[in-house]
Protein backbone atom coordinates (compact mmCIF):
# COMPACT_ATOMS: atom_id res chain seq x y z
CA MET A 1 19.60 32.22 150.66
CA GLU A 2 16.15 31.56 151.82
CA LYS A 3 13.90 29.44 150.47
CA TYR A 4 10.29 30.47 149.49
CA HIS A 5 6.58 28.25 150.28
CA GLY A 6 3.44 29.14 148.52
CA SER A 7 2.05 31.66 151.28
CA ASN A 8 5.16 33.90 150.48
CA LEU A 9 5.20 34.02 147.18
CA ARG A 10 1.42 34.66 147.50
CA ARG A 11 2.47 37.13 149.59
CA GLY A 12 1.92 41.37 148.01
CA ARG A 13 1.14 39.60 145.22
CA THR A 14 -1.77 41.53 142.83
CA SER A 15 -4.63 40.26 140.35
CA LEU A 16 -5.22 43.61 137.64
CA PRO A 17 -8.16 42.86 135.08
CA GLY A 18 -6.09 43.32 131.92
CA TYR A 19 -2.82 43.65 132.34
CA TYR A 20 -0.36 40.63 130.97
CA TYR A 21 0.89 38.02 133.53
CA PHE A 22 3.79 35.41 132.78
CA ILE A 23 2.85 32.41 134.33
CA THR A 24 5.45 29.28 135.54
CA ILE A 25 2.73 26.81 137.10
CA THR A 26 4.59 22.92 137.85
CA THR A 27 3.75 19.78 138.46
CA LEU A 28 3.20 17.47 141.72
CA ASP A 29 7.10 16.55 142.57
CA ARG A 30 8.46 17.62 139.33
CA HIS A 31 7.23 14.45 137.54
CA CYS A 32 6.29 14.31 133.92
CA TRP A 33 3.01 14.11 133.38
CA PHE A 34 2.82 16.05 130.28
CA ASP A 35 5.46 13.64 128.11
CA SER A 36 3.31 11.60 126.44
CA PHE A 37 1.06 13.75 123.07
CA ALA A 38 -2.77 12.66 125.23
CA GLN A 39 -1.62 14.43 128.35
CA GLY A 40 0.12 17.68 126.79
CA ALA A 41 -3.02 17.60 124.52
CA VAL A 42 -4.98 17.87 127.23
CA ALA A 43 -2.78 20.46 128.98
CA SER A 44 -2.68 22.00 126.12
CA ARG A 45 -6.15 22.36 125.18
CA SER A 46 -7.21 23.56 129.26
CA PHE A 47 -5.73 26.61 127.53
CA TYR A 48 -9.38 27.27 126.06
CA HIS A 49 -12.16 26.11 128.82
CA PRO A 50 -14.47 28.29 129.24
CA SER A 51 -14.00 28.40 132.73
CA VAL A 52 -10.41 29.55 132.14
CA LYS A 53 -11.26 31.90 128.90
CA LYS A 54 -13.65 33.64 131.45
CA ARG A 55 -11.22 34.58 133.79
CA ALA A 56 -7.79 35.16 131.47
CA ASP A 57 -7.41 35.39 127.59
CA THR A 58 -4.62 33.12 126.32
CA LEU A 59 -1.55 35.12 124.48
CA ALA A 60 0.89 32.07 124.10
CA TYR A 61 2.07 29.69 126.63
CA VAL A 62 4.62 26.35 126.19
CA VAL A 63 3.27 22.56 128.02
CA MET A 64 6.68 21.19 128.88
CA PRO A 65 7.37 18.05 130.71
CA ASP A 66 6.76 18.66 133.99
CA HIS A 67 5.95 22.41 133.56
CA VAL A 68 3.70 25.56 131.95
CA HIS A 69 4.37 28.47 131.32
CA TRP A 70 1.71 30.35 130.29
CA ILE A 71 1.07 33.73 128.96
CA LEU A 72 -1.98 36.13 129.70
CA CYS A 73 -4.36 38.97 129.69
CA LEU A 74 -6.29 38.65 133.32
CA LYS A 75 -10.01 40.21 132.99
CA GLY A 76 -10.96 39.09 137.34
CA ASN A 77 -8.65 37.20 139.86
CA LEU A 78 -5.61 35.93 138.46
CA SER A 79 -5.20 33.70 141.24
CA GLU A 80 -8.80 31.84 140.41
CA ALA A 81 -7.44 32.47 136.53
CA VAL A 82 -4.88 29.84 137.85
CA ARG A 83 -6.84 27.72 140.54
CA SER A 84 -9.32 27.48 137.09
CA TYR A 85 -6.32 26.04 134.85
CA LYS A 86 -5.18 23.53 137.57
CA ALA A 87 -8.41 21.70 137.88
CA GLN A 88 -9.02 21.07 134.12
CA VAL A 89 -6.53 19.17 134.11
CA SER A 90 -6.65 17.75 136.96
CA ILE A 91 -10.07 16.56 136.56
CA LYS A 92 -8.80 15.37 132.93
CA LEU A 93 -5.98 13.96 133.98
CA GLY A 94 -8.01 12.04 137.41
CA GLY A 95 -5.50 12.69 139.48
CA SER A 96 -3.15 15.76 141.47
CA VAL A 97 -1.04 16.95 138.47
CA TRP A 98 0.37 19.79 140.21
CA GLN A 99 2.46 21.35 143.30
CA ARG A 100 1.11 23.93 145.29
CA GLY A 101 1.33 27.43 144.20
CA PHE A 102 2.95 29.20 140.68
CA TYR A 103 4.96 32.05 141.07
CA ASP A 104 3.87 35.03 138.54
CA HIS A 105 5.18 37.93 136.98
CA ALA A 106 3.05 41.29 135.69
CA ILE A 107 4.38 42.44 132.66
CA ARG A 108 5.02 46.34 131.97
CA GLN A 109 3.82 48.09 129.58
CA ASP A 110 7.12 48.60 128.12
CA GLN A 111 8.30 45.18 127.83
CA SER A 112 7.82 43.22 124.64
CA LEU A 113 4.60 40.96 124.58
CA ARG A 114 6.69 39.44 121.94
CA ARG A 115 10.22 38.89 122.80
CA ILE A 116 8.84 37.45 126.20
CA ALA A 117 6.38 35.26 123.42
CA ARG A 118 9.86 33.48 121.22
CA TYR A 119 11.21 33.40 124.39
CA THR A 120 8.63 31.39 125.99
CA ILE A 121 7.95 29.61 123.70
CA ALA A 122 11.82 28.73 123.16
CA ASN A 123 12.17 26.13 125.96
CA PRO A 124 11.84 23.39 123.98
CA LEU A 125 14.09 24.21 122.12
CA ARG A 126 16.99 25.39 125.06
CA ALA A 127 15.81 22.08 126.87
CA GLY A 128 16.96 20.02 123.56
CA LEU A 129 13.61 17.90 123.05
CA VAL A 130 13.16 18.52 119.47
CA ASP A 131 15.78 20.37 117.04
CA HIS A 132 12.69 22.92 115.34
CA ILE A 133 9.91 24.30 117.21
CA ASN A 134 7.54 23.19 114.76
CA ASP A 135 7.95 19.57 115.87
CA TYR A 136 7.42 20.13 119.07
CA PRO A 137 3.48 19.97 119.04
CA PHE A 138 2.15 21.77 122.72
CA TRP A 139 2.43 25.45 122.10
CA ASN A 140 0.70 28.55 121.06
CA ALA A 141 0.62 31.90 121.02
CA ILE A 142 -1.90 34.46 119.17
CA TRP A 143 0.66 36.24 116.96
CA LEU A 144 0.82 33.58 114.59
CA GLU A 145 -1.40 33.85 111.02
């Protein structure tokens, strides 16, 4: 199987404002940056930083110890939105947090955003971090009332 590098992942990537994307961003060397409350809170709050909000609307996210999943509605360029998020977290944590690149999947109109969000948010349950999602502090979704 061919190993994919960041430059190969970016080939063919499109940025379509108004479209929904599922993003996965991994920490450098899969280091568990977000296994403490303070650092997980930084990663969570950074989705709502003005520089990130200018580029994307956050629909749902989950911050895992060594990666994040983010569902967004793009306002401009996808790489710039992810770069802005990664920069905010790195600046606030004072170090090189992220692996280069990211994984993206454009969500088609016929796919259910809520279904994808539920699956995404259930990551801590599947990983055995908690027994109930309400016990995990690092997630959010716009569909909460």
